[in-house]
């Protein structure tokens, strides 16, 4: 299923994009798309039954930016765990050695915005950068998982994430990466939460990103150093993952930081578009904060 949330910011309603591409209202079936729903097999079953009936009310829009505003596909996110340097080609372009274990950092849940919402370039920023990423959404409480097979059984679905980053704040201002990762609007998410049954192999997805119409990133999750299942298993050894938590699994080559000088960092007025195969497309205009 392709689950999403539509409407004005803070007042989104749950929706579903059916097999014919019609946007349908789920507000009469479930109150929202959140961790509680993802952990409730009975509620998910009600959605499937309602979708198959073909009787859900039709909404205005295509679920991908035309018509009703598309918000983040997940409400009340608990935490966003991020994996750094998780693509072989990205490590090469930045001159970094591939890590022996996953590099973990966090983004605050309040960095999340809709897939087509405005992204703000922070005040004082000279190095705002782009990163298309596969987001994994947790559907069952995960702690100390023993195997990669068990890990995938705890995944509710997948989404497109844009891990917007400010490289000077991240690398040159002391401390950890968090300063350059947690500026407001720095995690557009969606348009859809695609349930795991529709993504049979998360290691076979293409990822692309364009800046002002120019293709910058053109990668595949096959290049991940630590595959999705191993990432979920590994993270569960250090923290408990709850339904509605999100893991951003890293970005392929093609970021501004890895480009020759002068590096083409983002400025107000730039337009970034990104997509992951089968998970939908985002488009953001950048403006000054």
Protein backbone atom coordinates (compact mmCIF):
# COMPACT_ATOMS: atom_id res chain seq x y z
CA UNK A 1 0.00 0.00 0.00
CA UNK A 2 0.98 3.62 -0.54
CA UNK A 3 -0.04 5.51 2.58
CA UNK A 4 0.18 9.28 2.89
CA UNK A 5 -1.14 12.33 4.71
CA UNK A 6 -2.66 15.31 2.94
CA UNK A 7 -3.86 18.78 3.94
CA UNK A 8 -2.49 21.91 5.54
CA UNK A 9 0.50 21.58 7.86
CA UNK A 10 -0.61 20.34 11.26
CA UNK A 11 -4.05 19.30 10.02
CA UNK A 12 -3.23 16.47 7.62
CA UNK A 13 -5.66 13.61 7.11
CA UNK A 14 -4.70 10.00 6.34
CA UNK A 15 -5.00 8.92 2.73
CA UNK A 16 -4.15 6.11 0.37
CA UNK A 17 -3.01 6.09 -3.25
CA UNK A 18 -4.78 3.15 -4.86
CA UNK A 19 -3.52 0.86 -7.62
CA UNK A 20 -5.06 3.12 -10.28
CA UNK A 21 -3.31 6.22 -8.90
CA UNK A 22 -6.47 7.65 -7.31
CA UNK A 23 -6.07 9.49 -4.02
CA UNK A 24 -8.57 8.22 -1.42
CA UNK A 25 -9.56 9.42 2.04
CA UNK A 26 -8.77 7.09 4.97
CA UNK A 27 -10.06 9.37 7.73
CA UNK A 28 -13.21 7.28 8.09
CA UNK A 29 -11.11 4.14 8.65
CA UNK A 30 -8.16 5.26 10.79
CA UNK A 31 -7.40 8.53 12.61
CA UNK A 32 -3.86 8.99 11.22
CA UNK A 33 -0.76 7.31 9.82
CA UNK A 34 1.59 6.89 12.79
CA UNK A 35 3.48 4.32 14.79
CA UNK A 36 0.38 3.13 16.59
CA UNK A 37 -1.25 2.30 13.27
CA UNK A 38 1.83 0.55 11.89
CA UNK A 39 1.94 -1.70 14.98
CA UNK A 40 -1.78 -2.57 14.68
CA UNK A 41 -2.29 -5.46 12.27
CA UNK A 42 -6.06 -5.23 12.65
CA UNK A 43 -6.13 -1.56 11.65
CA UNK A 44 -3.84 -2.21 8.69
CA UNK A 45 -6.20 -5.01 7.68
CA UNK A 46 -9.13 -2.58 7.75
CA UNK A 47 -7.24 -0.29 5.39
CA UNK A 48 -6.53 -3.14 2.97
CA UNK A 49 -10.16 -4.25 3.03
CA UNK A 50 -11.38 -0.69 2.47
CA UNK A 51 -8.92 -0.20 -0.38
CA UNK A 52 -10.00 -3.39 -2.09
CA UNK A 53 -13.65 -2.39 -1.86
CA UNK A 54 -13.04 0.62 -4.10
CA UNK A 55 -15.52 2.61 -2.02
CA UNK A 56 -13.19 4.99 -0.17
CA UNK A 57 -13.98 8.67 -0.88
CA UNK A 58 -11.88 10.27 -3.60
CA UNK A 59 -9.72 13.28 -2.72
CA UNK A 60 -8.49 16.08 -4.95
CA UNK A 61 -4.94 15.42 -6.10
CA UNK A 62 -2.56 12.76 -7.31
CA UNK A 63 -0.73 12.14 -4.03
CA UNK A 64 2.47 13.51 -5.54
CA UNK A 65 2.09 17.27 -5.27
CA UNK A 66 -0.76 18.10 -7.64
CA UNK A 67 -3.89 19.16 -5.72
CA UNK A 68 -4.00 18.87 -1.94
CA UNK A 69 -0.73 19.55 -0.12
CA UNK A 70 1.09 16.32 0.68
CA UNK A 71 2.51 16.29 4.19
CA UNK A 72 5.00 13.88 5.72
CA UNK A 73 3.53 10.37 5.40
CA UNK A 74 4.11 9.64 9.08
CA UNK A 75 2.86 11.55 12.13
CA UNK A 76 4.39 11.66 15.60
CA UNK A 77 7.79 10.30 14.61
CA UNK A 78 9.69 9.15 17.67
CA UNK A 79 13.29 9.47 16.50
CA UNK A 80 15.22 9.70 13.25
CA UNK A 81 18.36 7.57 13.30
CA UNK A 82 20.77 8.36 10.46
CA UNK A 83 23.58 6.29 8.97
CA UNK A 84 26.58 8.23 7.68
CA UNK A 85 28.97 7.19 4.90
CA UNK A 86 26.91 4.15 3.97
CA UNK A 87 27.58 4.03 0.21
CA UNK A 88 30.86 2.88 -1.28
CA UNK A 89 30.75 5.56 -4.00
CA UNK A 90 29.95 8.36 -1.51
CA UNK A 91 32.86 7.34 0.72
CA UNK A 92 35.17 7.41 -2.29
CA UNK A 93 34.04 10.89 -3.43
CA UNK A 94 34.56 12.38 0.03
CA UNK A 95 37.95 10.70 0.45
CA UNK A 96 36.80 8.75 3.50
CA UNK A 97 37.64 5.18 4.36
CA UNK A 98 34.55 2.93 4.38
CA UNK A 99 33.58 2.56 8.05
CA UNK A 100 34.13 -0.77 9.80
CA UNK A 101 30.77 -0.34 11.58
CA UNK A 102 27.77 1.88 10.78
CA UNK A 103 28.22 5.55 11.66
CA UNK A 104 25.16 6.69 13.63
CA UNK A 105 23.86 10.20 14.22
CA UNK A 106 20.42 11.69 14.82
CA UNK A 107 18.06 14.22 13.32
CA UNK A 108 15.31 15.75 15.44
CA UNK A 109 11.78 14.75 14.46
CA UNK A 110 10.85 18.41 14.08
CA UNK A 111 13.15 18.72 11.05
CA UNK A 112 10.57 16.72 9.07
CA UNK A 113 8.43 18.55 6.51
CA UNK A 114 6.37 17.46 3.53
CA UNK A 115 8.02 16.33 0.29
CA UNK A 116 7.17 19.53 -1.59
CA UNK A 117 7.43 22.04 1.26
CA UNK A 118 9.90 24.93 1.21
CA UNK A 119 13.36 24.19 2.63
CA UNK A 120 15.10 27.02 4.48
CA UNK A 121 18.78 27.83 3.99
CA UNK A 122 20.04 28.60 7.52
CA UNK A 123 21.25 32.07 8.42
CA UNK A 124 25.01 32.25 7.95
CA UNK A 125 25.06 29.17 5.74
CA UNK A 126 27.55 28.91 2.90
CA UNK A 127 27.54 25.12 2.46
CA UNK A 128 23.97 23.79 2.38
CA UNK A 129 24.04 20.43 0.61
CA UNK A 130 21.65 17.79 -0.72
CA UNK A 131 21.37 14.03 0.03
CA UNK A 132 18.71 11.67 -1.36
CA UNK A 133 18.19 8.78 1.05
CA UNK A 134 16.09 5.67 1.54
CA UNK A 135 14.13 6.00 4.79
CA UNK A 136 13.15 2.85 6.67
CA UNK A 137 10.06 3.07 8.89
CA UNK A 138 9.87 0.73 11.88
CA UNK A 139 6.62 -1.17 12.49
CA UNK A 140 7.41 -3.36 15.49
CA UNK A 141 9.43 -2.74 18.65
CA UNK A 142 12.99 -3.88 17.97
CA UNK A 143 15.65 -4.54 20.58
CA UNK A 144 18.70 -6.80 20.35
CA UNK A 145 17.62 -8.41 17.10
CA UNK A 146 19.54 -11.61 16.33
CA UNK A 147 19.43 -11.76 12.53
CA UNK A 148 18.91 -9.73 9.40
CA UNK A 149 15.79 -11.78 8.65
CA UNK A 150 14.34 -10.78 12.00
CA UNK A 151 15.30 -7.19 11.30
CA UNK A 152 13.34 -7.01 8.04
CA UNK A 153 10.29 -8.43 9.83
CA UNK A 154 10.32 -5.27 11.98
CA UNK A 155 10.17 -2.91 8.99
CA UNK A 156 6.74 -1.43 8.23
CA UNK A 157 7.75 0.29 5.02
CA UNK A 158 9.94 2.72 3.15
CA UNK A 159 9.92 6.36 2.04
CA UNK A 160 12.02 8.97 0.27
CA UNK A 161 14.02 11.20 2.61
CA UNK A 162 16.06 14.31 1.81
CA UNK A 163 18.83 14.57 4.40
CA UNK A 164 19.59 18.25 3.83
CA UNK A 165 22.93 19.12 5.44
CA UNK A 166 25.02 22.22 6.19
CA UNK A 167 28.62 21.09 5.77
CA UNK A 168 30.36 23.96 7.56
CA UNK A 169 28.11 23.54 10.58
CA UNK A 170 28.56 19.74 10.36
CA UNK A 171 32.33 19.53 9.97
CA UNK A 172 34.03 22.86 10.72
CA UNK A 173 32.23 24.18 13.78
CA UNK A 174 33.38 21.61 16.37
CA UNK A 175 31.63 18.71 18.06
CA UNK A 176 29.53 16.11 16.30
CA UNK A 177 27.64 16.25 13.00
CA UNK A 178 24.38 17.29 14.64
CA UNK A 179 24.82 21.05 14.12
CA UNK A 180 24.74 20.61 10.36
CA UNK A 181 21.87 18.14 10.30
CA UNK A 182 19.16 19.63 12.50
CA UNK A 183 18.32 23.00 10.98
CA UNK A 184 14.59 23.58 10.49
CA UNK A 185 13.02 21.91 7.42
CA UNK A 186 16.14 19.74 6.90
CA UNK A 187 14.28 16.41 6.48
CA UNK A 188 11.60 16.43 3.77
CA UNK A 189 9.90 13.01 3.90
CA UNK A 190 7.53 11.27 1.50
CA UNK A 191 5.36 11.56 -0.50
CA UNK A 192 4.33 8.04 0.43
CA UNK A 193 4.99 5.44 3.07
CA UNK A 194 5.15 2.33 0.90
CA UNK A 195 4.51 -0.82 2.90
CA UNK A 196 7.28 -3.41 2.99
CA UNK A 197 5.31 -5.99 0.99
CA UNK A 198 5.60 -3.69 -2.05
CA UNK A 199 9.41 -3.44 -1.74
CA UNK A 200 10.62 -7.04 -2.08
CA UNK A 201 14.31 -6.05 -2.27
CA UNK A 202 15.38 -2.79 -0.61
CA UNK A 203 18.89 -3.38 -2.02
CA UNK A 204 17.68 -2.98 -5.60
CA UNK A 205 16.31 0.58 -5.68
CA UNK A 206 17.55 3.45 -7.84
CA UNK A 207 17.94 6.90 -6.25
CA UNK A 208 18.19 10.15 -8.23
CA UNK A 209 18.43 13.84 -7.39
CA UNK A 210 18.43 16.95 -9.57
CA UNK A 211 19.38 20.55 -8.77
CA UNK A 212 17.77 23.13 -11.05
CA UNK A 213 17.11 20.36 -13.56
CA UNK A 214 20.68 19.01 -13.59
CA UNK A 215 21.13 15.39 -12.49
CA UNK A 216 23.50 15.31 -9.52
CA UNK A 217 22.94 11.92 -7.86
CA UNK A 218 22.21 8.72 -9.76
CA UNK A 219 22.80 5.75 -7.49
CA UNK A 220 21.46 2.45 -6.26
CA UNK A 221 20.95 0.92 -2.83
CA UNK A 222 23.06 -2.00 -4.10
CA UNK A 223 26.03 0.29 -3.29
CA UNK A 224 25.20 0.41 0.42
CA UNK A 225 28.08 -0.66 2.63
CA UNK A 226 25.65 -1.87 5.29
CA UNK A 227 22.36 -3.12 3.78
CA UNK A 228 19.00 -2.16 5.24
CA UNK A 229 18.55 -5.40 7.19
CA UNK A 230 21.99 -5.14 8.78
CA UNK A 231 21.43 -1.48 9.64
CA UNK A 232 18.20 -2.30 11.50
CA UNK A 233 19.79 -5.27 13.28
CA UNK A 234 22.88 -3.24 14.22
CA UNK A 235 21.00 -0.19 15.50
CA UNK A 236 18.83 -2.43 17.70
CA UNK A 237 21.95 -3.46 19.64
CA UNK A 238 22.41 0.12 20.87
CA UNK A 239 18.88 1.46 21.27
CA UNK A 240 15.29 0.29 21.17
CA UNK A 241 13.48 1.05 17.95
CA UNK A 242 9.75 1.69 18.26
CA UNK A 243 6.92 1.73 15.72
CA UNK A 244 7.06 5.07 13.95
CA UNK A 245 10.82 5.51 14.30
CA UNK A 246 12.68 6.29 11.06
CA UNK A 247 16.15 5.30 9.87
CA UNK A 248 17.75 7.36 7.08
CA UNK A 249 20.14 4.88 5.49
CA UNK A 250 22.72 7.12 3.81
CA UNK A 251 23.26 8.76 0.42
CA UNK A 252 25.04 7.77 -2.79
CA UNK A 253 27.73 9.78 -4.57
CA UNK A 254 27.01 13.15 -6.14
CA UNK A 255 26.69 15.57 -3.23
CA UNK A 256 28.05 19.12 -3.48
CA UNK A 257 30.72 18.40 -0.87
CA UNK A 258 32.26 15.80 -3.19
CA UNK A 259 32.33 18.08 -6.27
CA UNK A 260 35.38 20.00 -7.54
CA UNK A 261 35.86 23.61 -6.49
CA UNK A 262 33.92 25.83 -6.58
CA UNK A 263 31.51 23.44 -4.91
CA UNK A 264 27.89 24.06 -6.01
CA UNK A 265 26.25 24.43 -2.60
CA UNK A 266 22.57 25.37 -2.48
CA UNK A 267 21.31 28.93 -2.34
CA UNK A 268 17.91 30.58 -2.03
CA UNK A 269 16.08 30.18 -5.32
CA UNK A 270 17.44 26.72 -6.09
CA UNK A 271 15.02 23.87 -6.81
CA UNK A 272 15.86 20.30 -5.80
CA UNK A 273 13.95 17.27 -7.09
CA UNK A 274 14.59 13.72 -5.94
CA UNK A 275 13.07 10.28 -6.31
CA UNK A 276 13.52 6.65 -5.36
CA UNK A 277 12.23 3.88 -7.58
CA UNK A 278 8.68 2.94 -6.54
CA UNK A 279 8.60 5.36 -3.59
CA UNK A 280 7.66 8.63 -5.29
CA UNK A 281 9.22 12.00 -5.99
CA UNK A 282 9.94 15.19 -4.03
CA UNK A 283 10.40 18.79 -5.14
CA UNK A 284 11.58 21.64 -2.90
CA UNK A 285 12.27 25.31 -3.47
CA UNK A 286 14.98 26.74 -1.23
CA UNK A 287 14.54 30.09 0.51
CA UNK A 288 16.49 32.04 3.11
CA UNK A 289 15.56 31.38 6.74
